[in-house]
Amino acid sequence: MASKSAKNAQEILMADFQALVRDTERLLADTANLAGDQADELREQIHARLEEARANLQVTQESVRARGQEAVVQAEAYVQENPWQAIGIAAGVGLLIGLLANRR
């Protein structure tokens, strides 16, 4: 369950960032009408930075996905090895959340 919500949050973040990149590219294309060497240089710089951002995003996405999968594997292993402790921890967290919810 936590894995699904983390995956959904990651997908939403990725979609938002990709939309930002697309919008920036569209803005870059719309400024193609501007004349002058400075405008051309600015467009080239923006384009280069967008490519860097895409590459960095891909690396970050792969890293986050790998770490998330490893965390899930470790959590599942812990629960398999210590089921009663996991139940106790879950009950304690549930009780704490219930107490905090009743205060409001």
PDB file of N, CA and C in Angstrom:
ATOM      1  N   MET A   1       0.826  -1.191   0.000  1.00  0.00           N
ATOM      2  CA  MET A   1       0.000   0.000   0.000  1.00  0.00           C
ATOM      3  C   MET A   1       0.872   1.257   0.000  1.00  0.00           C
ATOM      4  N   ALA A   2       1.854   1.288   0.879  1.00  0.00           N
ATOM      5  CA  ALA A   2       2.758   2.434   0.920  1.00  0.00           C
ATOM      6  C   ALA A   2       3.558   2.515  -0.361  1.00  0.00           C
ATOM      7  N   SER A   3       3.874   1.352  -0.908  1.00  0.00           N
ATOM      8  CA  SER A   3       4.629   1.324  -2.161  1.00  0.00           C
ATOM      9  C   SER A   3       3.814   1.932  -3.290  1.00  0.00           C
ATOM     10  N   LYS A   4       2.510   1.660  -3.307  1.00  0.00           N
ATOM     11  CA  LYS A   4       1.643   2.208  -4.352  1.00  0.00           C
ATOM     12  C   LYS A   4       1.543   3.726  -4.231  1.00  0.00           C
ATOM     13  N   SER A   5       1.398   4.241  -3.013  1.00  0.00           N
ATOM     14  CA  SER A   5       1.276   5.687  -2.846  1.00  0.00           C
ATOM     15  C   SER A   5       2.595   6.386  -3.173  1.00  0.00           C
ATOM     16  N   ALA A   6       3.710   5.773  -2.814  1.00  0.00           N
ATOM     17  CA  ALA A   6       5.011   6.358  -3.165  1.00  0.00           C
ATOM     18  C   ALA A   6       5.206   6.338  -4.674  1.00  0.00           C
ATOM     19  N   LYS A   7       4.781   5.256  -5.291  1.00  0.00           N
ATOM     20  CA  LYS A   7       4.911   5.156  -6.748  1.00  0.00           C
ATOM     21  C   LYS A   7       4.017   6.185  -7.429  1.00  0.00           C
ATOM     22  N   ASN A   8       2.803   6.368  -6.925  1.00  0.00           N
ATOM     23  CA  ASN A   8       1.895   7.365  -7.482  1.00  0.00           C
ATOM     24  C   ASN A   8       2.459   8.769  -7.321  1.00  0.00           C
ATOM     25  N   ALA A   9       3.013   9.063  -6.164  1.00  0.00           N
ATOM     26  CA  ALA A   9       3.604  10.384  -5.932  1.00  0.00           C
ATOM     27  C   ALA A   9       4.775  10.616  -6.874  1.00  0.00           C
ATOM     28  N   GLN A  10       5.568   9.588  -7.075  1.00  0.00           N
ATOM     29  CA  GLN A  10       6.708   9.703  -7.987  1.00  0.00           C
ATOM     30  C   GLN A  10       6.221   9.926  -9.413  1.00  0.00           C
ATOM     31  N   GLU A  11       5.185   9.205  -9.821  1.00  0.00           N
ATOM     32  CA  GLU A  11       4.656   9.370 -11.172  1.00  0.00           C
ATOM     33  C   GLU A  11       4.073  10.767 -11.375  1.00  0.00           C
ATOM     34  N   ILE A  12       3.405  11.291 -10.361  1.00  0.00           N
ATOM     35  CA  ILE A  12       2.845  12.643 -10.444  1.00  0.00           C
ATOM     36  C   ILE A  12       3.968  13.669 -10.568  1.00  0.00           C
ATOM     37  N   LEU A  13       5.015  13.495  -9.768  1.00  0.00           N
ATOM     38  CA  LEU A  13       6.161  14.404  -9.839  1.00  0.00           C
ATOM     39  C   LEU A  13       6.808  14.352 -11.218  1.00  0.00           C
ATOM     40  N   MET A  14       6.988  13.159 -11.742  1.00  0.00           N
ATOM     41  CA  MET A  14       7.590  13.010 -13.063  1.00  0.00           C
ATOM     42  C   MET A  14       6.710  13.660 -14.131  1.00  0.00           C
ATOM     43  N   ALA A  15       5.416  13.453 -14.057  1.00  0.00           N
ATOM     44  CA  ALA A  15       4.509  14.035 -15.051  1.00  0.00           C
ATOM     45  C   ALA A  15       4.545  15.562 -14.983  1.00  0.00           C
ATOM     46  N   ASP A  16       4.571  16.112 -13.767  1.00  0.00           N
ATOM     47  CA  ASP A  16       4.639  17.566 -13.620  1.00  0.00           C
ATOM     48  C   ASP A  16       5.936  18.128 -14.186  1.00  0.00           C
ATOM     49  N   PHE A  17       7.037  17.457 -13.915  1.00  0.00           N
ATOM     50  CA  PHE A  17       8.316  17.946 -14.422  1.00  0.00           C
ATOM     51  C   PHE A  17       8.370  17.841 -15.940  1.00  0.00           C
ATOM     52  N   GLN A  18       7.857  16.747 -16.476  1.00  0.00           N
ATOM     53  CA  GLN A  18       7.850  16.593 -17.932  1.00  0.00           C
ATOM     54  C   GLN A  18       6.956  17.652 -18.582  1.00  0.00           C
ATOM     55  N   ALA A  19       5.854  17.989 -17.950  1.00  0.00           N
ATOM     56  CA  ALA A  19       4.995  19.050 -18.469  1.00  0.00           C
ATOM     57  C   ALA A  19       5.727  20.388 -18.445  1.00  0.00           C
ATOM     58  N   LEU A  20       6.494  20.624 -17.387  1.00  0.00           N
ATOM     59  CA  LEU A  20       7.282  21.848 -17.306  1.00  0.00           C
ATOM     60  C   LEU A  20       8.303  21.910 -18.444  1.00  0.00           C
ATOM     61  N   VAL A  21       8.950  20.808 -18.713  1.00  0.00           N
ATOM     62  CA  VAL A  21       9.935  20.764 -19.799  1.00  0.00           C
ATOM     63  C   VAL A  21       9.246  21.003 -21.141  1.00  0.00           C
ATOM     64  N   ARG A  22       8.105  20.371 -21.358  1.00  0.00           N
ATOM     65  CA  ARG A  22       7.371  20.575 -22.620  1.00  0.00           C
ATOM     66  C   ARG A  22       6.954  22.029 -22.785  1.00  0.00           C
ATOM     67  N   ASP A  23       6.452  22.619 -21.714  1.00  0.00           N
ATOM     68  CA  ASP A  23       6.041  24.029 -21.782  1.00  0.00           C
ATOM     69  C   ASP A  23       7.222  24.942 -22.069  1.00  0.00           C
ATOM     70  N   THR A  24       8.344  24.639 -21.464  1.00  0.00           N
ATOM     71  CA  THR A  24       9.546  25.444 -21.708  1.00  0.00           C
ATOM     72  C   THR A  24      10.002  25.297 -23.150  1.00  0.00           C
ATOM     73  N   GLU A  25       9.932  24.076 -23.672  1.00  0.00           N
ATOM     74  CA  GLU A  25      10.296  23.871 -25.075  1.00  0.00           C
ATOM     75  C   GLU A  25       9.340  24.633 -26.001  1.00  0.00           C
ATOM     76  N   ARG A  26       8.073  24.633 -25.662  1.00  0.00           N
ATOM     77  CA  ARG A  26       7.097  25.363 -26.461  1.00  0.00           C
ATOM     78  C   ARG A  26       7.398  26.862 -26.427  1.00  0.00           C
ATOM     79  N   LEU A  27       7.743  27.373 -25.247  1.00  0.00           N
ATOM     80  CA  LEU A  27       8.123  28.779 -25.117  1.00  0.00           C
ATOM     81  C   LEU A  27       9.372  29.071 -25.928  1.00  0.00           C
ATOM     82  N   LEU A  28      10.296  28.155 -25.904  1.00  0.00           N
ATOM     83  CA  LEU A  28      11.519  28.303 -26.683  1.00  0.00           C
ATOM     84  C   LEU A  28      11.207  28.363 -28.179  1.00  0.00           C
ATOM     85  N   ALA A  29      10.302  27.521 -28.627  1.00  0.00           N
ATOM     86  CA  ALA A  29       9.921  27.529 -30.038  1.00  0.00           C
ATOM     87  C   ALA A  29       9.184  28.822 -30.397  1.00  0.00           C
ATOM     88  N   ASP A  30       8.372  29.310 -29.480  1.00  0.00           N
ATOM     89  CA  ASP A  30       7.626  30.545 -29.744  1.00  0.00           C
ATOM     90  C   ASP A  30       8.541  31.763 -29.820  1.00  0.00           C
ATOM     91  N   THR A  31       9.683  31.716 -29.166  1.00  0.00           N
ATOM     92  CA  THR A  31      10.610  32.838 -29.217  1.00  0.00           C
ATOM     93  C   THR A  31      11.509  32.772 -30.447  1.00  0.00           C
ATOM     94  N   ALA A  32      11.289  31.784 -31.292  1.00  0.00           N
ATOM     95  CA  ALA A  32      12.108  31.652 -32.503  1.00  0.00           C
ATOM     96  C   ALA A  32      11.921  32.851 -33.428  1.00  0.00           C
ATOM     97  N   ASN A  33      10.822  33.569 -33.282  1.00  0.00           N
ATOM     98  CA  ASN A  33      10.571  34.743 -34.114  1.00  0.00           C
ATOM     99  C   ASN A  33      11.477  35.913 -33.752  1.00  0.00           C
ATOM    100  N   LEU A  34      12.017  35.883 -32.547  1.00  0.00           N
ATOM    101  CA  LEU A  34      12.900  36.964 -32.131  1.00  0.00           C
ATOM    102  C   LEU A  34      14.172  36.931 -32.977  1.00  0.00           C
ATOM    103  N   ALA A  35      14.655  38.065 -33.308  1.00  0.00           N
ATOM    104  CA  ALA A  35      15.851  38.145 -34.151  1.00  0.00           C
ATOM    105  C   ALA A  35      17.049  38.542 -33.316  1.00  0.00           C
ATOM    106  N   GLY A  36      18.187  38.313 -33.862  1.00  0.00           N
ATOM    107  CA  GLY A  36      19.414  38.765 -33.213  1.00  0.00           C
ATOM    108  C   GLY A  36      20.228  37.621 -32.683  1.00  0.00           C
ATOM    109  N   ASP A  37      21.508  37.883 -32.573  1.00  0.00           N
ATOM    110  CA  ASP A  37      22.435  36.878 -32.078  1.00  0.00           C
ATOM    111  C   ASP A  37      22.190  36.556 -30.610  1.00  0.00           C
ATOM    112  N   GLN A  38      21.790  37.540 -29.829  1.00  0.00           N
ATOM    113  CA  GLN A  38      21.540  37.309 -28.402  1.00  0.00           C
ATOM    114  C   GLN A  38      20.355  36.372 -28.207  1.00  0.00           C
ATOM    115  N   ALA A  39      19.317  36.527 -28.998  1.00  0.00           N
ATOM    116  CA  ALA A  39      18.152  35.649 -28.885  1.00  0.00           C
ATOM    117  C   ALA A  39      18.531  34.226 -29.261  1.00  0.00           C
ATOM    118  N   ASP A  40      19.341  34.075 -30.312  1.00  0.00           N
ATOM    119  CA  ASP A  40      19.776  32.737 -30.712  1.00  0.00           C
ATOM    120  C   ASP A  40      20.629  32.096 -29.625  1.00  0.00           C
ATOM    121  N   GLU A  41      21.509  32.877 -29.050  1.00  0.00           N
ATOM    122  CA  GLU A  41      22.370  32.361 -27.986  1.00  0.00           C
ATOM    123  C   GLU A  41      21.550  31.968 -26.768  1.00  0.00           C
ATOM    124  N   LEU A  42      20.571  32.791 -26.421  1.00  0.00           N
ATOM    125  CA  LEU A  42      19.702  32.497 -25.288  1.00  0.00           C
ATOM    126  C   LEU A  42      18.921  31.210 -25.521  1.00  0.00           C
ATOM    127  N   ARG A  43      18.377  31.041 -26.718  1.00  0.00           N
ATOM    128  CA  ARG A  43      17.638  29.822 -27.037  1.00  0.00           C
ATOM    129  C   ARG A  43      18.541  28.590 -26.951  1.00  0.00           C
ATOM    130  N   GLU A  44      19.763  28.705 -27.417  1.00  0.00           N
ATOM    131  CA  GLU A  44      20.697  27.581 -27.355  1.00  0.00           C
ATOM    132  C   GLU A  44      21.027  27.224 -25.901  1.00  0.00           C
ATOM    133  N   GLN A  45      21.210  28.235 -25.070  1.00  0.00           N
ATOM    134  CA  GLN A  45      21.495  27.988 -23.658  1.00  0.00           C
ATOM    135  C   GLN A  45      20.311  27.319 -22.967  1.00  0.00           C
ATOM    136  N   ILE A  46      19.114  27.812 -23.246  1.00  0.00           N
ATOM    137  CA  ILE A  46      17.914  27.216 -22.642  1.00  0.00           C
ATOM    138  C   ILE A  46      17.771  25.771 -23.092  1.00  0.00           C
ATOM    139  N   HIS A  47      17.972  25.536 -24.362  1.00  0.00           N
ATOM    140  CA  HIS A  47      17.853  24.175 -24.898  1.00  0.00           C
ATOM    141  C   HIS A  47      18.886  23.250 -24.247  1.00  0.00           C
ATOM    142  N   ALA A  48      20.117  23.711 -24.097  1.00  0.00           N
ATOM    143  CA  ALA A  48      21.159  22.891 -23.474  1.00  0.00           C
ATOM    144  C   ALA A  48      20.809  22.572 -22.022  1.00  0.00           C
ATOM    145  N   ARG A  49      20.284  23.551 -21.319  1.00  0.00           N
ATOM    146  CA  ARG A  49      19.919  23.310 -19.915  1.00  0.00           C
ATOM    147  C   ARG A  49      18.723  22.380 -19.792  1.00  0.00           C
ATOM    148  N   LEU A  50      17.807  22.466 -20.722  1.00  0.00           N
ATOM    149  CA  LEU A  50      16.678  21.527 -20.708  1.00  0.00           C
ATOM    150  C   LEU A  50      17.156  20.096 -20.932  1.00  0.00           C
ATOM    151  N   GLU A  51      18.090  19.933 -21.825  1.00  0.00           N
ATOM    152  CA  GLU A  51      18.634  18.588 -22.067  1.00  0.00           C
ATOM    153  C   GLU A  51      19.347  18.061 -20.826  1.00  0.00           C
ATOM    154  N   GLU A  52      20.082  18.928 -20.145  1.00  0.00           N
ATOM    155  CA  GLU A  52      20.735  18.536 -18.896  1.00  0.00           C
ATOM    156  C   GLU A  52      19.697  18.138 -17.849  1.00  0.00           C
ATOM    157  N   ALA A  53      18.634  18.925 -17.756  1.00  0.00           N
ATOM    158  CA  ALA A  53      17.583  18.633 -16.777  1.00  0.00           C
ATOM    159  C   ALA A  53      16.921  17.297 -17.071  1.00  0.00           C
ATOM    160  N   ARG A  54      16.694  17.017 -18.335  1.00  0.00           N
ATOM    161  CA  ARG A  54      16.101  15.722 -18.701  1.00  0.00           C
ATOM    162  C   ARG A  54      17.020  14.572 -18.308  1.00  0.00           C
ATOM    163  N   ALA A  55      18.296  14.720 -18.595  1.00  0.00           N
ATOM    164  CA  ALA A  55      19.248  13.667 -18.253  1.00  0.00           C
ATOM    165  C   ALA A  55      19.315  13.469 -16.738  1.00  0.00           C
ATOM    166  N   ASN A  56      19.383  14.566 -16.007  1.00  0.00           N
ATOM    167  CA  ASN A  56      19.422  14.480 -14.544  1.00  0.00           C
ATOM    168  C   ASN A  56      18.138  13.865 -13.993  1.00  0.00           C
ATOM    169  N   LEU A  57      17.022  14.213 -14.578  1.00  0.00           N
ATOM    170  CA  LEU A  57      15.749  13.662 -14.134  1.00  0.00           C
ATOM    171  C   LEU A  57      15.705  12.155 -14.346  1.00  0.00           C
ATOM    172  N   GLN A  58      16.217  11.701 -15.464  1.00  0.00           N
ATOM    173  CA  GLN A  58      16.229  10.266 -15.749  1.00  0.00           C
ATOM    174  C   GLN A  58      17.097   9.526 -14.728  1.00  0.00           C
ATOM    175  N   VAL A  59      18.256  10.083 -14.429  1.00  0.00           N
ATOM    176  CA  VAL A  59      19.150   9.460 -13.445  1.00  0.00           C
ATOM    177  C   VAL A  59      18.485   9.451 -12.068  1.00  0.00           C
ATOM    178  N   THR A  60      17.874  10.557 -11.702  1.00  0.00           N
ATOM    179  CA  THR A  60      17.203  10.649 -10.409  1.00  0.00           C
ATOM    180  C   THR A  60      16.040   9.675 -10.325  1.00  0.00           C
ATOM    181  N   GLN A  61      15.290   9.571 -11.396  1.00  0.00           N
ATOM    182  CA  GLN A  61      14.149   8.651 -11.413  1.00  0.00           C
ATOM    183  C   GLN A  61      14.613   7.218 -11.200  1.00  0.00           C
ATOM    184  N   GLU A  62      15.658   6.827 -11.890  1.00  0.00           N
ATOM    185  CA  GLU A  62      16.164   5.466 -11.744  1.00  0.00           C
ATOM    186  C   GLU A  62      16.691   5.221 -10.334  1.00  0.00           C
ATOM    187  N   SER A  63      17.367   6.212  -9.774  1.00  0.00           N
ATOM    188  CA  SER A  63      17.908   6.082  -8.424  1.00  0.00           C
ATOM    189  C   SER A  63      16.797   5.964  -7.381  1.00  0.00           C
ATOM    190  N   VAL A  64      15.792   6.831  -7.501  1.00  0.00           N
ATOM    191  CA  VAL A  64      14.672   6.803  -6.552  1.00  0.00           C
ATOM    192  C   VAL A  64      13.909   5.480  -6.657  1.00  0.00           C
ATOM    193  N   ARG A  65      13.697   5.036  -7.870  1.00  0.00           N
ATOM    194  CA  ARG A  65      12.986   3.768  -8.057  1.00  0.00           C
ATOM    195  C   ARG A  65      13.764   2.618  -7.440  1.00  0.00           C
ATOM    196  N   ALA A  66      15.076   2.575  -7.640  1.00  0.00           N
ATOM    197  CA  ALA A  66      15.894   1.500  -7.087  1.00  0.00           C
ATOM    198  C   ALA A  66      15.885   1.535  -5.560  1.00  0.00           C
ATOM    199  N   ARG A  67      16.022   2.740  -4.980  1.00  0.00           N
ATOM    200  CA  ARG A  67      16.009   2.849  -3.520  1.00  0.00           C
ATOM    201  C   ARG A  67      14.651   2.476  -2.954  1.00  0.00           C
ATOM    202  N   GLY A  68      13.590   2.872  -3.633  1.00  0.00           N
ATOM    203  CA  GLY A  68      12.240   2.529  -3.175  1.00  0.00           C
ATOM    204  C   GLY A  68      11.994   1.037  -3.200  1.00  0.00           C
ATOM    205  N   GLN A  69      12.435   0.392  -4.263  1.00  0.00           N
ATOM    206  CA  GLN A  69      12.260  -1.055  -4.362  1.00  0.00           C
ATOM    207  C   GLN A  69      13.075  -1.767  -3.282  1.00  0.00           C
ATOM    208  N   GLU A  70      14.273  -1.279  -3.029  1.00  0.00           N
ATOM    209  CA  GLU A  70      15.102  -1.879  -1.980  1.00  0.00           C
ATOM    210  C   GLU A  70      14.451  -1.712  -0.610  1.00  0.00           C
ATOM    211  N   ALA A  71      13.865  -0.550  -0.350  1.00  0.00           N
ATOM    212  CA  ALA A  71      13.191  -0.314   0.928  1.00  0.00           C
ATOM    213  C   ALA A  71      12.002  -1.256   1.097  1.00  0.00           C
ATOM    214  N   VAL A  72      11.261  -1.473   0.022  1.00  0.00           N
ATOM    215  CA  VAL A  72      10.120  -2.387   0.085  1.00  0.00           C
ATOM    216  C   VAL A  72      10.589  -3.805   0.365  1.00  0.00           C
ATOM    217  N   VAL A  73      11.656  -4.217  -0.292  1.00  0.00           N
ATOM    218  CA  VAL A  73      12.194  -5.567  -0.079  1.00  0.00           C
ATOM    219  C   VAL A  73      12.649  -5.735   1.363  1.00  0.00           C
ATOM    220  N   GLN A  74      13.339  -4.740   1.898  1.00  0.00           N
ATOM    221  CA  GLN A  74      13.808  -4.818   3.287  1.00  0.00           C
ATOM    222  C   GLN A  74      12.645  -4.829   4.272  1.00  0.00           C
ATOM    223  N   ALA A  75      11.626  -4.027   4.011  1.00  0.00           N
ATOM    224  CA  ALA A  75      10.456  -3.997   4.900  1.00  0.00           C
ATOM    225  C   ALA A  75       9.732  -5.340   4.877  1.00  0.00           C
ATOM    226  N   GLU A  76       9.578  -5.908   3.693  1.00  0.00           N
ATOM    227  CA  GLU A  76       8.917  -7.212   3.596  1.00  0.00           C
ATOM    228  C   GLU A  76       9.726  -8.297   4.297  1.00  0.00           C
ATOM    229  N   ALA A  77      11.044  -8.248   4.161  1.00  0.00           N
ATOM    230  CA  ALA A  77      11.897  -9.225   4.835  1.00  0.00           C
ATOM    231  C   ALA A  77      11.773  -9.087   6.351  1.00  0.00           C
ATOM    232  N   TYR A  78      11.745  -7.849   6.843  1.00  0.00           N
ATOM    233  CA  TYR A  78      11.615  -7.620   8.283  1.00  0.00           C
ATOM    234  C   TYR A  78      10.287  -8.172   8.796  1.00  0.00           C
ATOM    235  N   VAL A  79       9.225  -7.907   8.060  1.00  0.00           N
ATOM    236  CA  VAL A  79       7.910  -8.379   8.491  1.00  0.00           C
ATOM    237  C   VAL A  79       7.863  -9.909   8.459  1.00  0.00           C
ATOM    238  N   GLN A  80       8.479 -10.513   7.461  1.00  0.00           N
ATOM    239  CA  GLN A  80       8.503 -11.978   7.388  1.00  0.00           C
ATOM    240  C   GLN A  80       9.296 -12.580   8.554  1.00  0.00           C
ATOM    241  N   GLU A  81      10.385 -11.928   8.945  1.00  0.00           N
ATOM    242  CA  GLU A  81      11.226 -12.432  10.028  1.00  0.00           C
ATOM    243  C   GLU A  81      10.655 -12.110  11.407  1.00  0.00           C
ATOM    244  N   ASN A  82       9.940 -11.011  11.542  1.00  0.00           N
ATOM    245  CA  ASN A  82       9.430 -10.548  12.837  1.00  0.00           C
ATOM    246  C   ASN A  82       7.954 -10.167  12.728  1.00  0.00           C
ATOM    247  N   PRO A  83       7.082 -11.122  12.493  1.00  0.00           N
ATOM    248  CA  PRO A  83       5.674 -10.753  12.273  1.00  0.00           C
ATOM    249  C   PRO A  83       5.008 -10.131  13.498  1.00  0.00           C
ATOM    250  N   TRP A  84       5.310 -10.613  14.707  1.00  0.00           N
ATOM    251  CA  TRP A  84       4.652 -10.078  15.895  1.00  0.00           C
ATOM    252  C   TRP A  84       5.129  -8.673  16.198  1.00  0.00           C
ATOM    253  N   GLN A  85       6.394  -8.421  15.993  1.00  0.00           N
ATOM    254  CA  GLN A  85       6.897  -7.063  16.204  1.00  0.00           C
ATOM    255  C   GLN A  85       6.274  -6.106  15.193  1.00  0.00           C
ATOM    256  N   ALA A  86       6.122  -6.562  13.954  1.00  0.00           N
ATOM    257  CA  ALA A  86       5.506  -5.723  12.924  1.00  0.00           C
ATOM    258  C   ALA A  86       4.057  -5.407  13.283  1.00  0.00           C
ATOM    259  N   ILE A  87       3.352  -6.396  13.810  1.00  0.00           N
ATOM    260  CA  ILE A  87       1.966  -6.177  14.227  1.00  0.00           C
ATOM    261  C   ILE A  87       1.918  -5.179  15.378  1.00  0.00           C
ATOM    262  N   GLY A  88       2.835  -5.317  16.333  1.00  0.00           N
ATOM    263  CA  GLY A  88       2.889  -4.389  17.459  1.00  0.00           C
ATOM    264  C   GLY A  88       3.200  -2.966  17.021  1.00  0.00           C
ATOM    265  N   ILE A  89       4.135  -2.830  16.101  1.00  0.00           N
ATOM    266  CA  ILE A  89       4.475  -1.498  15.591  1.00  0.00           C
ATOM    267  C   ILE A  89       3.283  -0.890  14.863  1.00  0.00           C
ATOM    268  N   ALA A  90       2.626  -1.690  14.027  1.00  0.00           N
ATOM    269  CA  ALA A  90       1.464  -1.194  13.286  1.00  0.00           C
ATOM    270  C   ALA A  90       0.343  -0.789  14.248  1.00  0.00           C
ATOM    271  N   ALA A  91       0.131  -1.574  15.294  1.00  0.00           N
ATOM    272  CA  ALA A  91      -0.908  -1.234  16.278  1.00  0.00           C
ATOM    273  C   ALA A  91      -0.550   0.061  17.001  1.00  0.00           C
ATOM    274  N   GLY A  92       0.715   0.221  17.360  1.00  0.00           N
ATOM    275  CA  GLY A  92       1.146   1.441  18.039  1.00  0.00           C
ATOM    276  C   GLY A  92       0.983   2.673  17.165  1.00  0.00           C
ATOM    277  N   VAL A  93       1.348   2.548  15.905  1.00  0.00           N
ATOM    278  CA  VAL A  93       1.197   3.670  14.979  1.00  0.00           C
ATOM    279  C   VAL A  93      -0.284   3.995  14.796  1.00  0.00           C
ATOM    280  N   GLY A  94      -1.113   2.957  14.668  1.00  0.00           N
ATOM    281  CA  GLY A  94      -2.550   3.175  14.526  1.00  0.00           C
ATOM    282  C   GLY A  94      -3.135   3.867  15.743  1.00  0.00           C
ATOM    283  N   LEU A  95      -2.705   3.456  16.933  1.00  0.00           N
ATOM    284  CA  LEU A  95      -3.174   4.084  18.167  1.00  0.00           C
ATOM    285  C   LEU A  95      -2.751   5.547  18.224  1.00  0.00           C
ATOM    286  N   LEU A  96      -1.506   5.812  17.866  1.00  0.00           N
ATOM    287  CA  LEU A  96      -1.004   7.188  17.866  1.00  0.00           C
ATOM    288  C   LEU A  96      -1.795   8.064  16.891  1.00  0.00           C
ATOM    289  N   ILE A  97      -2.042   7.552  15.714  1.00  0.00           N
ATOM    290  CA  ILE A  97      -2.825   8.305  14.723  1.00  0.00           C
ATOM    291  C   ILE A  97      -4.245   8.534  15.226  1.00  0.00           C
ATOM    292  N   GLY A  98      -4.818   7.528  15.852  1.00  0.00           N
ATOM    293  CA  GLY A  98      -6.165   7.675  16.418  1.00  0.00           C
ATOM    294  C   GLY A  98      -6.217   8.729  17.502  1.00  0.00           C
ATOM    295  N   LEU A  99      -5.225   8.750  18.368  1.00  0.00           N
ATOM    296  CA  LEU A  99      -5.179   9.763  19.420  1.00  0.00           C
ATOM    297  C   LEU A  99      -5.018  11.162  18.842  1.00  0.00           C
ATOM    298  N   LEU A 100      -4.163  11.283  17.858  1.00  0.00           N
ATOM    299  CA  LEU A 100      -3.986  12.607  17.230  1.00  0.00           C
ATOM    300  C   LEU A 100      -5.239  13.045  16.484  1.00  0.00           C
ATOM    301  N   ALA A 101      -5.935  12.124  15.870  1.00  0.00           N
ATOM    302  CA  ALA A 101      -7.148  12.466  15.133  1.00  0.00           C
ATOM    303  C   ALA A 101      -8.269  12.898  16.083  1.00  0.00           C
ATOM    304  N   ASN A 102      -8.324  12.306  17.264  1.00  0.00           N
ATOM    305  CA  ASN A 102      -9.373  12.662  18.237  1.00  0.00           C
ATOM    306  C   ASN A 102      -9.134  14.027  18.848  1.00  0.00           C
ATOM    307  N   ARG A 103      -7.916  14.505  18.862  1.00  0.00           N
ATOM    308  CA  ARG A 103      -7.630  15.828  19.430  1.00  0.00           C
ATOM    309  C   ARG A 103      -8.217  16.935  18.594  1.00  0.00           C
ATOM    310  N   ARG A 104      -8.377  16.711  17.347  1.00  0.00           N
ATOM    311  CA  ARG A 104      -8.902  17.752  16.447  1.00  0.00           C
ATOM    312  C   ARG A 104     -10.363  17.697  16.534  1.00  0.00           C
TER     313      ARG A 104
END
